[in-house]
Amino acid sequence: MPPRGTEAEPEAARPAPATVVVSQRVKRSREDDFRQWQEGMNRAVASFAGFLGTEVVPPGDGGEWTVIYRFAS
């Protein structure tokens, strides 16, 4: 059997990536506080095994911030 993670390994045997999506409302008067808090969260999440990235999406018409965390599995 080929080593894990190689092209010859069946796709079903590979761990699937995981995505976590968090949406939250933030008062306009607290957006600076939220950004600072979110930067700390981004640093903390980046320390987890399998971390691939974070995307922070500012509010659009709905008024919610959306944060997307991606992990290898």
PDB file of N, CA and C in Angstrom:
ATOM      1  N   MET A   1       0.849  -1.180   0.000  1.00  0.00           N
ATOM      2  CA  MET A   1       0.000   0.000   0.000  1.00  0.00           C
ATOM      3  C   MET A   1       0.896   1.244   0.000  1.00  0.00           C
ATOM      4  N   PRO A   2       0.584   2.245  -0.802  1.00  0.00           N
ATOM      5  CA  PRO A   2       1.399   3.461  -0.859  1.00  0.00           C
ATOM      6  C   PRO A   2       1.318   4.246   0.447  1.00  0.00           C
ATOM      7  N   PRO A   3       2.330   5.044   0.748  1.00  0.00           N
ATOM      8  CA  PRO A   3       2.300   5.865   1.969  1.00  0.00           C
ATOM      9  C   PRO A   3       1.114   6.826   1.948  1.00  0.00           C
ATOM     10  N   ARG A   4       0.607   7.143   3.139  1.00  0.00           N
ATOM     11  CA  ARG A   4      -0.517   8.093   3.245  1.00  0.00           C
ATOM     12  C   ARG A   4      -0.111   9.436   2.671  1.00  0.00           C
ATOM     13  N   GLY A   5      -1.082  10.092   2.021  1.00  0.00           N
ATOM     14  CA  GLY A   5      -0.845  11.431   1.492  1.00  0.00           C
ATOM     15  C   GLY A   5      -0.212  11.457   0.119  1.00  0.00           C
ATOM     16  N   THR A   6       0.012  10.277  -0.477  1.00  0.00           N
ATOM     17  CA  THR A   6       0.597  10.241  -1.812  1.00  0.00           C
ATOM     18  C   THR A   6      -0.515  10.203  -2.846  1.00  0.00           C
ATOM     19  N   GLU A   7      -0.174  10.506  -4.074  1.00  0.00           N
ATOM     20  CA  GLU A   7      -1.155  10.516  -5.162  1.00  0.00           C
ATOM     21  C   GLU A   7      -1.772   9.138  -5.375  1.00  0.00           C
ATOM     22  N   ALA A   8      -1.018   8.077  -5.074  1.00  0.00           N
ATOM     23  CA  ALA A   8      -1.521   6.729  -5.318  1.00  0.00           C
ATOM     24  C   ALA A   8      -2.506   6.277  -4.244  1.00  0.00           C
ATOM     25  N   GLU A   9      -2.580   6.982  -3.138  1.00  0.00           N
ATOM     26  CA  GLU A   9      -3.500   6.624  -2.062  1.00  0.00           C
ATOM     27  C   GLU A   9      -4.936   6.906  -2.511  1.00  0.00           C
ATOM     28  N   PRO A  10      -5.862   5.998  -2.257  1.00  0.00           N
ATOM     29  CA  PRO A  10      -7.264   6.259  -2.623  1.00  0.00           C
ATOM     30  C   PRO A  10      -7.788   7.507  -1.927  1.00  0.00           C
ATOM     31  N   GLU A  11      -8.581   8.291  -2.650  1.00  0.00           N
ATOM     32  CA  GLU A  11      -9.082   9.550  -2.097  1.00  0.00           C
ATOM     33  C   GLU A  11      -9.882   9.330  -0.822  1.00  0.00           C
ATOM     34  N   ALA A  12     -10.630   8.246  -0.740  1.00  0.00           N
ATOM     35  CA  ALA A  12     -11.453   7.978   0.436  1.00  0.00           C
ATOM     36  C   ALA A  12     -10.608   7.772   1.687  1.00  0.00           C
ATOM     37  N   ALA A  13      -9.341   7.380   1.539  1.00  0.00           N
ATOM     38  CA  ALA A  13      -8.481   7.145   2.688  1.00  0.00           C
ATOM     39  C   ALA A  13      -7.864   8.430   3.230  1.00  0.00           C
ATOM     40  N   ARG A  14      -7.900   9.505   2.463  1.00  0.00           N
ATOM     41  CA  ARG A  14      -7.328  10.775   2.910  1.00  0.00           C
ATOM     42  C   ARG A  14      -8.318  11.519   3.799  1.00  0.00           C
ATOM     43  N   PRO A  15      -7.824  12.174   4.842  1.00  0.00           N
ATOM     44  CA  PRO A  15      -8.742  12.976   5.658  1.00  0.00           C
ATOM     45  C   PRO A  15      -9.282  14.152   4.848  1.00  0.00           C
ATOM     46  N   ALA A  16     -10.547  14.443   5.013  1.00  0.00           N
ATOM     47  CA  ALA A  16     -11.172  15.555   4.299  1.00  0.00           C
ATOM     48  C   ALA A  16     -10.882  16.863   5.025  1.00  0.00           C
ATOM     49  N   PRO A  17     -10.720  17.951   4.285  1.00  0.00           N
ATOM     50  CA  PRO A  17     -10.527  19.240   4.939  1.00  0.00           C
ATOM     51  C   PRO A  17     -11.791  19.642   5.702  1.00  0.00           C
ATOM     52  N   ALA A  18     -11.604  20.482   6.703  1.00  0.00           N
ATOM     53  CA  ALA A  18     -12.728  20.960   7.515  1.00  0.00           C
ATOM     54  C   ALA A  18     -12.783  22.480   7.444  1.00  0.00           C
ATOM     55  N   THR A  19     -13.996  23.006   7.396  1.00  0.00           N
ATOM     56  CA  THR A  19     -14.208  24.449   7.368  1.00  0.00           C
ATOM     57  C   THR A  19     -15.194  24.804   8.474  1.00  0.00           C
ATOM     58  N   VAL A  20     -14.858  25.827   9.247  1.00  0.00           N
ATOM     59  CA  VAL A  20     -15.740  26.336  10.299  1.00  0.00           C
ATOM     60  C   VAL A  20     -16.120  27.760   9.914  1.00  0.00           C
ATOM     61  N   VAL A  21     -17.421  28.052   9.913  1.00  0.00           N
ATOM     62  CA  VAL A  21     -17.911  29.382   9.566  1.00  0.00           C
ATOM     63  C   VAL A  21     -18.639  29.956  10.780  1.00  0.00           C
ATOM     64  N   VAL A  22     -18.218  31.153  11.198  1.00  0.00           N
ATOM     65  CA  VAL A  22     -18.825  31.826  12.344  1.00  0.00           C
ATOM     66  C   VAL A  22     -19.322  33.188  11.879  1.00  0.00           C
ATOM     67  N   SER A  23     -20.591  33.487  12.165  1.00  0.00           N
ATOM     68  CA  SER A  23     -21.150  34.797  11.837  1.00  0.00           C
ATOM     69  C   SER A  23     -21.592  35.463  13.133  1.00  0.00           C
ATOM     70  N   GLN A  24     -21.325  36.762  13.236  1.00  0.00           N
ATOM     71  CA  GLN A  24     -21.728  37.477  14.443  1.00  0.00           C
ATOM     72  C   GLN A  24     -21.984  38.942  14.150  1.00  0.00           C
ATOM     73  N   ARG A  25     -22.936  39.477  14.877  1.00  0.00           N
ATOM     74  CA  ARG A  25     -23.266  40.896  14.754  1.00  0.00           C
ATOM     75  C   ARG A  25     -22.386  41.676  15.729  1.00  0.00           C
ATOM     76  N   VAL A  26     -21.890  42.811  15.270  1.00  0.00           N
ATOM     77  CA  VAL A  26     -21.034  43.671  16.093  1.00  0.00           C
ATOM     78  C   VAL A  26     -21.569  45.095  15.972  1.00  0.00           C
ATOM     79  N   LYS A  27     -21.791  45.731  17.107  1.00  0.00           N
ATOM     80  CA  LYS A  27     -22.232  47.130  17.071  1.00  0.00           C
ATOM     81  C   LYS A  27     -21.162  47.969  16.386  1.00  0.00           C
ATOM     82  N   ARG A  28     -21.594  48.920  15.586  1.00  0.00           N
ATOM     83  CA  ARG A  28     -20.633  49.775  14.876  1.00  0.00           C
ATOM     84  C   ARG A  28     -19.661  50.451  15.848  1.00  0.00           C
ATOM     85  N   SER A  29     -20.135  50.815  17.009  1.00  0.00           N
ATOM     86  CA  SER A  29     -19.283  51.483  17.992  1.00  0.00           C
ATOM     87  C   SER A  29     -18.241  50.543  18.599  1.00  0.00           C
ATOM     88  N   ARG A  30     -18.371  49.227  18.353  1.00  0.00           N
ATOM     89  CA  ARG A  30     -17.445  48.236  18.923  1.00  0.00           C
ATOM     90  C   ARG A  30     -16.608  47.530  17.864  1.00  0.00           C
ATOM     91  N   GLU A  31     -16.645  47.997  16.611  1.00  0.00           N
ATOM     92  CA  GLU A  31     -15.916  47.312  15.536  1.00  0.00           C
ATOM     93  C   GLU A  31     -14.410  47.276  15.779  1.00  0.00           C
ATOM     94  N   ASP A  32     -13.828  48.354  16.306  1.00  0.00           N
ATOM     95  CA  ASP A  32     -12.389  48.344  16.596  1.00  0.00           C
ATOM     96  C   ASP A  32     -12.059  47.296  17.655  1.00  0.00           C
ATOM     97  N   ASP A  33     -12.910  47.201  18.699  1.00  0.00           N
ATOM     98  CA  ASP A  33     -12.709  46.180  19.727  1.00  0.00           C
ATOM     99  C   ASP A  33     -12.824  44.783  19.126  1.00  0.00           C
ATOM    100  N   PHE A  34     -13.814  44.601  18.256  1.00  0.00           N
ATOM    101  CA  PHE A  34     -13.998  43.301  17.610  1.00  0.00           C
ATOM    102  C   PHE A  34     -12.777  42.938  16.779  1.00  0.00           C
ATOM    103  N   ARG A  35     -12.273  43.866  15.990  1.00  0.00           N
ATOM    104  CA  ARG A  35     -11.092  43.584  15.153  1.00  0.00           C
ATOM    105  C   ARG A  35      -9.903  43.160  16.006  1.00  0.00           C
ATOM    106  N   GLN A  36      -9.689  43.850  17.106  1.00  0.00           N
ATOM    107  CA  GLN A  36      -8.573  43.517  17.996  1.00  0.00           C
ATOM    108  C   GLN A  36      -8.771  42.122  18.597  1.00  0.00           C
ATOM    109  N   TRP A  37      -9.988  41.838  19.053  1.00  0.00           N
ATOM    110  CA  TRP A  37     -10.289  40.522  19.607  1.00  0.00           C
ATOM    111  C   TRP A  37     -10.109  39.445  18.537  1.00  0.00           C
ATOM    112  N   GLN A  38     -10.576  39.723  17.319  1.00  0.00           N
ATOM    113  CA  GLN A  38     -10.480  38.747  16.239  1.00  0.00           C
ATOM    114  C   GLN A  38      -9.027  38.452  15.879  1.00  0.00           C
ATOM    115  N   GLU A  39      -8.168  39.454  15.923  1.00  0.00           N
ATOM    116  CA  GLU A  39      -6.742  39.218  15.659  1.00  0.00           C
ATOM    117  C   GLU A  39      -6.156  38.239  16.671  1.00  0.00           C
ATOM    118  N   GLY A  40      -6.556  38.365  17.932  1.00  0.00           N
ATOM    119  CA  GLY A  40      -6.108  37.413  18.956  1.00  0.00           C
ATOM    120  C   GLY A  40      -6.635  36.015  18.687  1.00  0.00           C
ATOM    121  N   MET A  41      -7.896  35.922  18.262  1.00  0.00           N
ATOM    122  CA  MET A  41      -8.469  34.620  17.913  1.00  0.00           C
ATOM    123  C   MET A  41      -7.730  34.009  16.733  1.00  0.00           C
ATOM    124  N   ASN A  42      -7.407  34.820  15.744  1.00  0.00           N
ATOM    125  CA  ASN A  42      -6.682  34.321  14.566  1.00  0.00           C
ATOM    126  C   ASN A  42      -5.332  33.735  14.974  1.00  0.00           C
ATOM    127  N   ARG A  43      -4.634  34.410  15.877  1.00  0.00           N
ATOM    128  CA  ARG A  43      -3.336  33.897  16.346  1.00  0.00           C
ATOM    129  C   ARG A  43      -3.521  32.576  17.094  1.00  0.00           C
ATOM    130  N   ALA A  44      -4.548  32.506  17.930  1.00  0.00           N
ATOM    131  CA  ALA A  44      -4.790  31.280  18.705  1.00  0.00           C
ATOM    132  C   ALA A  44      -5.140  30.108  17.791  1.00  0.00           C
ATOM    133  N   VAL A  45      -6.031  30.330  16.852  1.00  0.00           N
ATOM    134  CA  VAL A  45      -6.460  29.258  15.941  1.00  0.00           C
ATOM    135  C   VAL A  45      -5.294  28.782  15.070  1.00  0.00           C
ATOM    136  N   ALA A  46      -4.406  29.693  14.704  1.00  0.00           N
ATOM    137  CA  ALA A  46      -3.267  29.339  13.849  1.00  0.00           C
ATOM    138  C   ALA A  46      -2.328  28.345  14.524  1.00  0.00           C
ATOM    139  N   SER A  47      -2.430  28.209  15.839  1.00  0.00           N
ATOM    140  CA  SER A  47      -1.537  27.286  16.548  1.00  0.00           C
ATOM    141  C   SER A  47      -2.041  25.840  16.518  1.00  0.00           C
ATOM    142  N   PHE A  48      -3.274  25.611  16.066  1.00  0.00           N
ATOM    143  CA  PHE A  48      -3.827  24.257  16.028  1.00  0.00           C
ATOM    144  C   PHE A  48      -3.244  23.461  14.856  1.00  0.00           C
ATOM    145  N   ALA A  49      -3.030  22.171  15.105  1.00  0.00           N
ATOM    146  CA  ALA A  49      -2.528  21.278  14.053  1.00  0.00           C
ATOM    147  C   ALA A  49      -3.500  21.268  12.878  1.00  0.00           C
ATOM    148  N   GLY A  50      -2.976  21.285  11.683  1.00  0.00           N
ATOM    149  CA  GLY A  50      -3.799  21.214  10.485  1.00  0.00           C
ATOM    150  C   GLY A  50      -4.373  22.548  10.035  1.00  0.00           C
ATOM    151  N   PHE A  51      -4.034  23.623  10.741  1.00  0.00           N
ATOM    152  CA  PHE A  51      -4.564  24.940  10.382  1.00  0.00           C
ATOM    153  C   PHE A  51      -4.093  25.332   8.985  1.00  0.00           C
ATOM    154  N   LEU A  52      -5.033  25.776   8.143  1.00  0.00           N
ATOM    155  CA  LEU A  52      -4.711  26.203   6.780  1.00  0.00           C
ATOM    156  C   LEU A  52      -4.892  27.706   6.576  1.00  0.00           C
ATOM    157  N   GLY A  53      -5.849  28.312   7.282  1.00  0.00           N
ATOM    158  CA  GLY A  53      -6.034  29.743   7.088  1.00  0.00           C
ATOM    159  C   GLY A  53      -7.324  30.265   7.691  1.00  0.00           C
ATOM    160  N   THR A  54      -7.384  31.591   7.779  1.00  0.00           N
ATOM    161  CA  THR A  54      -8.553  32.303   8.288  1.00  0.00           C
ATOM    162  C   THR A  54      -8.912  33.396   7.297  1.00  0.00           C
ATOM    163  N   GLU A  55     -10.206  33.578   7.084  1.00  0.00           N
ATOM    164  CA  GLU A  55     -10.687  34.687   6.268  1.00  0.00           C
ATOM    165  C   GLU A  55     -11.731  35.437   7.091  1.00  0.00           C
ATOM    166  N   VAL A  56     -11.537  36.740   7.257  1.00  0.00           N
ATOM    167  CA  VAL A  56     -12.481  37.575   7.990  1.00  0.00           C
ATOM    168  C   VAL A  56     -13.194  38.463   6.974  1.00  0.00           C
ATOM    169  N   VAL A  57     -14.523  38.336   6.924  1.00  0.00           N
ATOM    170  CA  VAL A  57     -15.323  39.072   5.946  1.00  0.00           C
ATOM    171  C   VAL A  57     -16.145  40.127   6.695  1.00  0.00           C
ATOM    172  N   PRO A  58     -15.880  41.410   6.437  1.00  0.00           N
ATOM    173  CA  PRO A  58     -16.641  42.470   7.106  1.00  0.00           C
ATOM    174  C   PRO A  58     -18.117  42.418   6.710  1.00  0.00           C
ATOM    175  N   PRO A  59     -18.960  43.068   7.494  1.00  0.00           N
ATOM    176  CA  PRO A  59     -20.398  43.004   7.219  1.00  0.00           C
ATOM    177  C   PRO A  59     -20.764  43.623   5.881  1.00  0.00           C
ATOM    178  N   GLY A  60     -21.730  43.005   5.245  1.00  0.00           N
ATOM    179  CA  GLY A  60     -22.310  43.572   4.034  1.00  0.00           C
ATOM    180  C   GLY A  60     -23.663  44.147   4.405  1.00  0.00           C
ATOM    181  N   ASP A  61     -24.643  43.922   3.580  1.00  0.00           N
ATOM    182  CA  ASP A  61     -25.987  44.441   3.851  1.00  0.00           C
ATOM    183  C   ASP A  61     -26.611  43.810   5.091  1.00  0.00           C
ATOM    184  N   GLY A  62     -26.203  42.569   5.405  1.00  0.00           N
ATOM    185  CA  GLY A  62     -26.798  41.868   6.541  1.00  0.00           C
ATOM    186  C   GLY A  62     -26.282  42.331   7.884  1.00  0.00           C
ATOM    187  N   GLY A  63     -25.174  43.054   7.908  1.00  0.00           N
ATOM    188  CA  GLY A  63     -24.633  43.569   9.155  1.00  0.00           C
ATOM    189  C   GLY A  63     -23.904  42.555  10.005  1.00  0.00           C
ATOM    190  N   GLU A  64     -23.559  41.393   9.459  1.00  0.00           N
ATOM    191  CA  GLU A  64     -22.842  40.375  10.231  1.00  0.00           C
ATOM    192  C   GLU A  64     -21.421  40.201   9.716  1.00  0.00           C
ATOM    193  N   TRP A  65     -20.495  40.083  10.644  1.00  0.00           N
ATOM    194  CA  TRP A  65     -19.128  39.693  10.318  1.00  0.00           C
ATOM    195  C   TRP A  65     -19.124  38.189  10.134  1.00  0.00           C
ATOM    196  N   THR A  66     -18.373  37.705   9.171  1.00  0.00           N
ATOM    197  CA  THR A  66     -18.246  36.268   8.950  1.00  0.00           C
ATOM    198  C   THR A  66     -16.765  35.912   9.008  1.00  0.00           C
ATOM    199  N   VAL A  67     -16.462  34.881   9.784  1.00  0.00           N
ATOM    200  CA  VAL A  67     -15.083  34.406   9.914  1.00  0.00           C
ATOM    201  C   VAL A  67     -15.058  32.956   9.455  1.00  0.00           C
ATOM    202  N   ILE A  68     -14.133  32.659   8.560  1.00  0.00           N
ATOM    203  CA  ILE A  68     -14.009  31.300   8.007  1.00  0.00           C
ATOM    204  C   ILE A  68     -12.643  30.752   8.407  1.00  0.00           C
ATOM    205  N   TYR A  69     -12.668  29.631   9.103  1.00  0.00           N
ATOM    206  CA  TYR A  69     -11.438  28.940   9.503  1.00  0.00           C
ATOM    207  C   TYR A  69     -11.332  27.664   8.677  1.00  0.00           C
ATOM    208  N   ARG A  70     -10.143  27.404   8.140  1.00  0.00           N
ATOM    209  CA  ARG A  70      -9.932  26.189   7.351  1.00  0.00           C
ATOM    210  C   ARG A  70      -8.843  25.328   7.997  1.00  0.00           C
ATOM    211  N   PHE A  71      -9.114  24.020   8.025  1.00  0.00           N
ATOM    212  CA  PHE A  71      -8.180  23.051   8.603  1.00  0.00           C
ATOM    213  C   PHE A  71      -8.004  21.889   7.635  1.00  0.00           C
ATOM    214  N   ALA A  72      -6.856  21.248   7.715  1.00  0.00           N
ATOM    215  CA  ALA A  72      -6.557  20.117   6.824  1.00  0.00           C
ATOM    216  C   ALA A  72      -7.485  18.950   7.098  1.00  0.00           C
ATOM    217  N   SER A  73      -7.887  18.760   8.326  1.00  0.00           N
ATOM    218  CA  SER A  73      -8.830  17.671   8.663  1.00  0.00           C
ATOM    219  C   SER A  73      -9.482  17.939   9.991  1.00  0.00           C
TER     220      SER A  73
END
